[in-house]
Amino acid sequence: ALPGHAAVVTATVCGGAPLTLRVVRDAVR
């Protein structure tokens, strides 16, 4: 439905941000 670059951004954010969240959350604790 969207251009290829938008799909890359969407997939990277949805797949990568949760992993970054876990790393940063544990570091903040």
PDB file of all heavy atoms in Angstrom:
ATOM      1  N   ALA A   1       0.804  -1.220   0.000  1.00  0.00           N
ATOM      2  CA  ALA A   1       0.000   0.000   0.000  1.00  0.00           C
ATOM      3  C   ALA A   1       0.840   1.274   0.000  1.00  0.00           C
ATOM      4  O   ALA A   1       0.372   2.321  -0.450  1.00  0.00           O
ATOM      5  CB  ALA A   1      -0.924   0.004   1.226  1.00  0.00           C
ATOM      6  N   LEU A   2       2.077   1.197   0.498  1.00  0.00           N
ATOM      7  CA  LEU A   2       2.910   2.385   0.634  1.00  0.00           C
ATOM      8  C   LEU A   2       4.214   2.209  -0.142  1.00  0.00           C
ATOM      9  O   LEU A   2       4.582   1.086  -0.503  1.00  0.00           O
ATOM     10  CB  LEU A   2       3.225   2.649   2.116  1.00  0.00           C
ATOM     11  CG  LEU A   2       2.024   2.940   3.023  1.00  0.00           C
ATOM     12  CD1 LEU A   2       2.495   3.085   4.472  1.00  0.00           C
ATOM     13  CD2 LEU A   2       1.288   4.195   2.573  1.00  0.00           C
ATOM     14  N   PRO A   3       4.944   3.306  -0.391  1.00  0.00           N
ATOM     15  CA  PRO A   3       6.242   3.186  -1.064  1.00  0.00           C
ATOM     16  C   PRO A   3       7.200   2.314  -0.258  1.00  0.00           C
ATOM     17  O   PRO A   3       7.056   2.155   0.960  1.00  0.00           O
ATOM     18  CB  PRO A   3       6.739   4.636  -1.133  1.00  0.00           C
ATOM     19  CG  PRO A   3       5.503   5.470  -1.048  1.00  0.00           C
ATOM     20  CD  PRO A   3       4.559   4.719  -0.169  1.00  0.00           C
ATOM     21  N   GLY A   4       8.197   1.768  -0.959  1.00  0.00           N
ATOM     22  CA  GLY A   4       9.134   0.869  -0.320  1.00  0.00           C
ATOM     23  C   GLY A   4       9.856   1.463   0.871  1.00  0.00           C
ATOM     24  O   GLY A   4      10.045   0.790   1.898  1.00  0.00           O
ATOM     25  N   HIS A   5      10.273   2.739   0.772  1.00  0.00           N
ATOM     26  CA  HIS A   5      11.011   3.340   1.889  1.00  0.00           C
ATOM     27  C   HIS A   5      10.129   3.480   3.124  1.00  0.00           C
ATOM     28  O   HIS A   5      10.605   3.344   4.257  1.00  0.00           O
ATOM     29  CB  HIS A   5      11.591   4.695   1.482  1.00  0.00           C
ATOM     30  CG  HIS A   5      10.565   5.703   1.053  1.00  0.00           C
ATOM     31  ND1 HIS A   5      10.164   5.843  -0.253  1.00  0.00           N
ATOM     32  CD2 HIS A   5       9.867   6.624   1.767  1.00  0.00           C
ATOM     33  CE1 HIS A   5       9.260   6.807  -0.335  1.00  0.00           C
ATOM     34  NE2 HIS A   5       9.059   7.292   0.870  1.00  0.00           N
ATOM     35  N   ALA A   6       8.831   3.730   2.926  1.00  0.00           N
ATOM     36  CA  ALA A   6       7.913   3.809   4.067  1.00  0.00           C
ATOM     37  C   ALA A   6       7.760   2.444   4.727  1.00  0.00           C
ATOM     38  O   ALA A   6       7.658   2.336   5.953  1.00  0.00           O
ATOM     39  CB  ALA A   6       6.549   4.331   3.616  1.00  0.00           C
ATOM     40  N   ALA A   7       7.766   1.392   3.910  1.00  0.00           N
ATOM     41  CA  ALA A   7       7.675   0.042   4.463  1.00  0.00           C
ATOM     42  C   ALA A   7       8.917  -0.307   5.273  1.00  0.00           C
ATOM     43  O   ALA A   7       8.829  -0.958   6.323  1.00  0.00           O
ATOM     44  CB  ALA A   7       7.490  -0.968   3.329  1.00  0.00           C
ATOM     45  N   VAL A   8      10.084   0.123   4.802  1.00  0.00           N
ATOM     46  CA  VAL A   8      11.327  -0.132   5.536  1.00  0.00           C
ATOM     47  C   VAL A   8      11.296   0.563   6.888  1.00  0.00           C
ATOM     48  O   VAL A   8      11.644  -0.024   7.920  1.00  0.00           O
ATOM     49  CB  VAL A   8      12.549   0.336   4.722  1.00  0.00           C
ATOM     50  CG1 VAL A   8      13.833   0.219   5.554  1.00  0.00           C
ATOM     51  CG2 VAL A   8      12.687  -0.477   3.445  1.00  0.00           C
ATOM     52  N   VAL A   9      10.877   1.822   6.900  1.00  0.00           N
ATOM     53  CA  VAL A   9      10.815   2.577   8.155  1.00  0.00           C
ATOM     54  C   VAL A   9       9.821   1.922   9.115  1.00  0.00           C
ATOM     55  O   VAL A   9      10.111   1.734  10.306  1.00  0.00           O
ATOM     56  CB  VAL A   9      10.434   4.048   7.891  1.00  0.00           C
ATOM     57  CG1 VAL A   9      10.201   4.782   9.215  1.00  0.00           C
ATOM     58  CG2 VAL A   9      11.528   4.741   7.085  1.00  0.00           C
ATOM     59  N   THR A  10       8.642   1.574   8.603  1.00  0.00           N
ATOM     60  CA  THR A  10       7.613   0.961   9.446  1.00  0.00           C
ATOM     61  C   THR A  10       8.092  -0.346  10.057  1.00  0.00           C
ATOM     62  O   THR A  10       7.950  -0.589  11.261  1.00  0.00           O
ATOM     63  CB  THR A  10       6.335   0.711   8.634  1.00  0.00           C
ATOM     64  OG1 THR A  10       5.858   1.950   8.097  1.00  0.00           O
ATOM     65  CG2 THR A  10       5.251   0.092   9.505  1.00  0.00           C
ATOM     66  N   ALA A  11       8.668  -1.208   9.227  1.00  0.00           N
ATOM     67  CA  ALA A  11       9.128  -2.513   9.719  1.00  0.00           C
ATOM     68  C   ALA A  11      10.279  -2.365  10.697  1.00  0.00           C
ATOM     69  O   ALA A  11      10.355  -3.094  11.700  1.00  0.00           O
ATOM     70  CB  ALA A  11       9.548  -3.386   8.542  1.00  0.00           C
ATOM     71  N   THR A  12      11.182  -1.430  10.438  1.00  0.00           N
ATOM     72  CA  THR A  12      12.324  -1.233  11.342  1.00  0.00           C
ATOM     73  C   THR A  12      11.876  -0.691  12.686  1.00  0.00           C
ATOM     74  O   THR A  12      12.361  -1.115  13.737  1.00  0.00           O
ATOM     75  CB  THR A  12      13.349  -0.281  10.703  1.00  0.00           C
ATOM     76  OG1 THR A  12      13.754  -0.786   9.429  1.00  0.00           O
ATOM     77  CG2 THR A  12      14.579  -0.147  11.583  1.00  0.00           C
ATOM     78  N   VAL A  13      10.929   0.245  12.661  1.00  0.00           N
ATOM     79  CA  VAL A  13      10.432   0.807  13.917  1.00  0.00           C
ATOM     80  C   VAL A  13       9.665  -0.243  14.711  1.00  0.00           C
ATOM     81  O   VAL A  13       9.893  -0.428  15.919  1.00  0.00           O
ATOM     82  CB  VAL A  13       9.537   2.036  13.644  1.00  0.00           C
ATOM     83  CG1 VAL A  13       8.828   2.482  14.916  1.00  0.00           C
ATOM     84  CG2 VAL A  13      10.370   3.178  13.081  1.00  0.00           C
ATOM     85  N   CYS A  14       8.774  -0.952  14.053  1.00  0.00           N
ATOM     86  CA  CYS A  14       7.944  -1.936  14.758  1.00  0.00           C
ATOM     87  C   CYS A  14       8.762  -3.129  15.240  1.00  0.00           C
ATOM     88  O   CYS A  14       8.453  -3.718  16.284  1.00  0.00           O
ATOM     89  CB  CYS A  14       6.813  -2.411  13.850  1.00  0.00           C
ATOM     90  SG  CYS A  14       5.568  -1.145  13.507  1.00  0.00           S
ATOM     91  N   GLY A  15       9.794  -3.490  14.506  1.00  0.00           N
ATOM     92  CA  GLY A  15      10.611  -4.620  14.911  1.00  0.00           C
ATOM     93  C   GLY A  15      11.795  -4.243  15.779  1.00  0.00           C
ATOM     94  O   GLY A  15      12.252  -5.052  16.596  1.00  0.00           O
ATOM     95  N   GLY A  16      12.303  -3.010  15.614  1.00  0.00           N
ATOM     96  CA  GLY A  16      13.499  -2.602  16.337  1.00  0.00           C
ATOM     97  C   GLY A  16      13.250  -1.815  17.606  1.00  0.00           C
ATOM     98  O   GLY A  16      13.956  -1.989  18.611  1.00  0.00           O
ATOM     99  N   ALA A  17      12.241  -0.936  17.585  1.00  0.00           N
ATOM    100  CA  ALA A  17      11.972  -0.118  18.767  1.00  0.00           C
ATOM    101  C   ALA A  17      11.669  -0.953  20.011  1.00  0.00           C
ATOM    102  O   ALA A  17      12.136  -0.612  21.110  1.00  0.00           O
ATOM    103  CB  ALA A  17      10.823   0.853  18.468  1.00  0.00           C
ATOM    104  N   PRO A  18      10.905  -2.057  19.908  1.00  0.00           N
ATOM    105  CA  PRO A  18      10.671  -2.873  21.108  1.00  0.00           C
ATOM    106  C   PRO A  18      11.957  -3.448  21.702  1.00  0.00           C
ATOM    107  O   PRO A  18      12.092  -3.549  22.928  1.00  0.00           O
ATOM    108  CB  PRO A  18       9.748  -3.985  20.609  1.00  0.00           C
ATOM    109  CG  PRO A  18       9.060  -3.407  19.427  1.00  0.00           C
ATOM    110  CD  PRO A  18      10.075  -2.534  18.779  1.00  0.00           C
ATOM    111  N   LEU A  19      12.894  -3.838  20.859  1.00  0.00           N
ATOM    112  CA  LEU A  19      14.167  -4.360  21.355  1.00  0.00           C
ATOM    113  C   LEU A  19      14.976  -3.251  22.015  1.00  0.00           C
ATOM    114  O   LEU A  19      15.601  -3.452  23.066  1.00  0.00           O
ATOM    115  CB  LEU A  19      14.958  -4.986  20.205  1.00  0.00           C
ATOM    116  CG  LEU A  19      14.297  -6.190  19.519  1.00  0.00           C
ATOM    117  CD1 LEU A  19      15.120  -6.639  18.317  1.00  0.00           C
ATOM    118  CD2 LEU A  19      14.135  -7.336  20.505  1.00  0.00           C
ATOM    119  N   THR A  20      14.970  -2.070  21.401  1.00  0.00           N
ATOM    120  CA  THR A  20      15.659  -0.926  22.006  1.00  0.00           C
ATOM    121  C   THR A  20      15.032  -0.570  23.341  1.00  0.00           C
ATOM    122  O   THR A  20      15.726  -0.249  24.314  1.00  0.00           O
ATOM    123  CB  THR A  20      15.599   0.283  21.057  1.00  0.00           C
ATOM    124  OG1 THR A  20      16.183  -0.067  19.799  1.00  0.00           O
ATOM    125  CG2 THR A  20      16.350   1.473  21.634  1.00  0.00           C
ATOM    126  N   LEU A  21      13.711  -0.627  23.405  1.00  0.00           N
ATOM    127  CA  LEU A  21      13.001  -0.349  24.664  1.00  0.00           C
ATOM    128  C   LEU A  21      13.523  -1.254  25.773  1.00  0.00           C
ATOM    129  O   LEU A  21      13.800  -0.792  26.888  1.00  0.00           O
ATOM    130  CB  LEU A  21      11.502  -0.546  24.460  1.00  0.00           C
ATOM    131  CG  LEU A  21      10.578  -0.281  25.653  1.00  0.00           C
ATOM    132  CD1 LEU A  21       9.192   0.110  25.157  1.00  0.00           C
ATOM    133  CD2 LEU A  21      10.435  -1.502  26.577  1.00  0.00           C
ATOM    134  N   ARG A  22      13.642  -2.540  25.510  1.00  0.00           N
ATOM    135  CA  ARG A  22      14.075  -3.480  26.542  1.00  0.00           C
ATOM    136  C   ARG A  22      15.487  -3.176  27.018  1.00  0.00           C
ATOM    137  O   ARG A  22      15.789  -3.212  28.216  1.00  0.00           O
ATOM    138  CB  ARG A  22      14.002  -4.910  26.001  1.00  0.00           C
ATOM    139  CG  ARG A  22      12.579  -5.403  25.769  1.00  0.00           C
ATOM    140  CD  ARG A  22      12.585  -6.819  25.253  1.00  0.00           C
ATOM    141  NE  ARG A  22      11.233  -7.387  25.164  1.00  0.00           N
ATOM    142  CZ  ARG A  22      10.980  -8.623  24.781  1.00  0.00           C
ATOM    143  NH1 ARG A  22      11.989  -9.429  24.448  1.00  0.00           N
ATOM    144  NH2 ARG A  22       9.739  -9.066  24.726  1.00  0.00           N
ATOM    145  N   VAL A  23      16.390  -2.889  26.054  1.00  0.00           N
ATOM    146  CA  VAL A  23      17.778  -2.596  26.413  1.00  0.00           C
ATOM    147  C   VAL A  23      17.861  -1.335  27.265  1.00  0.00           C
ATOM    148  O   VAL A  23      18.518  -1.299  28.312  1.00  0.00           O
ATOM    149  CB  VAL A  23      18.630  -2.452  25.136  1.00  0.00           C
ATOM    150  CG1 VAL A  23      20.019  -1.935  25.463  1.00  0.00           C
ATOM    151  CG2 VAL A  23      18.732  -3.782  24.405  1.00  0.00           C
ATOM    152  N   VAL A  24      17.176  -0.278  26.819  1.00  0.00           N
ATOM    153  CA  VAL A  24      17.237   1.003  27.524  1.00  0.00           C
ATOM    154  C   VAL A  24      16.541   0.909  28.881  1.00  0.00           C
ATOM    155  O   VAL A  24      17.029   1.448  29.885  1.00  0.00           O
ATOM    156  CB  VAL A  24      16.610   2.114  26.655  1.00  0.00           C
ATOM    157  CG1 VAL A  24      16.489   3.424  27.445  1.00  0.00           C
ATOM    158  CG2 VAL A  24      17.447   2.331  25.402  1.00  0.00           C
ATOM    159  N   ARG A  25      15.403   0.223  28.940  1.00  0.00           N
ATOM    160  CA  ARG A  25      14.689   0.078  30.217  1.00  0.00           C
ATOM    161  C   ARG A  25      15.578  -0.581  31.270  1.00  0.00           C
ATOM    162  O   ARG A  25      15.658  -0.118  32.416  1.00  0.00           O
ATOM    163  CB  ARG A  25      13.432  -0.761  30.005  1.00  0.00           C
ATOM    164  CG  ARG A  25      12.620  -1.001  31.285  1.00  0.00           C
ATOM    165  CD  ARG A  25      11.605  -2.109  31.081  1.00  0.00           C
ATOM    166  NE  ARG A  25      12.267  -3.369  30.734  1.00  0.00           N
ATOM    167  CZ  ARG A  25      11.624  -4.426  30.257  1.00  0.00           C
ATOM    168  NH1 ARG A  25      10.322  -4.394  30.045  1.00  0.00           N
ATOM    169  NH2 ARG A  25      12.295  -5.532  29.963  1.00  0.00           N
ATOM    170  N   ASP A  26      16.247  -1.662  30.908  1.00  0.00           N
ATOM    171  CA  ASP A  26      17.109  -2.355  31.864  1.00  0.00           C
ATOM    172  C   ASP A  26      18.296  -1.484  32.269  1.00  0.00           C
ATOM    173  O   ASP A  26      18.729  -1.509  33.430  1.00  0.00           O
ATOM    174  CB  ASP A  26      17.608  -3.667  31.262  1.00  0.00           C
ATOM    175  CG  ASP A  26      16.485  -4.684  31.060  1.00  0.00           C
ATOM    176  OD1 ASP A  26      15.417  -4.510  31.690  1.00  0.00           O
ATOM    177  OD2 ASP A  26      16.666  -5.629  30.262  1.00  0.00           O
ATOM    178  N   ALA A  27      18.822  -0.709  31.315  1.00  0.00           N
ATOM    179  CA  ALA A  27      19.939   0.171  31.640  1.00  0.00           C
ATOM    180  C   ALA A  27      19.498   1.282  32.592  1.00  0.00           C
ATOM    181  O   ALA A  27      20.219   1.635  33.528  1.00  0.00           O
ATOM    182  CB  ALA A  27      20.514   0.778  30.358  1.00  0.00           C
ATOM    183  N   VAL A  28      18.311   1.829  32.382  1.00  0.00           N
ATOM    184  CA  VAL A  28      17.799   2.886  33.260  1.00  0.00           C
ATOM    185  C   VAL A  28      17.589   2.337  34.664  1.00  0.00           C
ATOM    186  O   VAL A  28      17.899   3.009  35.668  1.00  0.00           O
ATOM    187  CB  VAL A  28      16.483   3.465  32.701  1.00  0.00           C
ATOM    188  CG1 VAL A  28      15.844   4.423  33.709  1.00  0.00           C
ATOM    189  CG2 VAL A  28      16.741   4.198  31.395  1.00  0.00           C
ATOM    190  N   ARG A  29      17.072   1.131  34.779  1.00  0.00           N
ATOM    191  CA  ARG A  29      16.877   0.531  36.092  1.00  0.00           C
ATOM    192  C   ARG A  29      18.204   0.403  36.844  1.00  0.00           C
ATOM    193  O   ARG A  29      18.264   0.585  38.059  1.00  0.00           O
ATOM    194  CB  ARG A  29      16.241  -0.847  35.951  1.00  0.00           C
ATOM    195  CG  ARG A  29      14.759  -0.806  35.571  1.00  0.00           C
ATOM    196  CD  ARG A  29      14.249  -2.216  35.327  1.00  0.00           C
ATOM    197  NE  ARG A  29      12.812  -2.248  35.087  1.00  0.00           N
ATOM    198  CZ  ARG A  29      12.137  -3.335  34.739  1.00  0.00           C
ATOM    199  NH1 ARG A  29      12.789  -4.501  34.599  1.00  0.00           N
ATOM    200  NH2 ARG A  29      10.838  -3.300  34.540  1.00  0.00           N
TER     201      ARG A  29
END
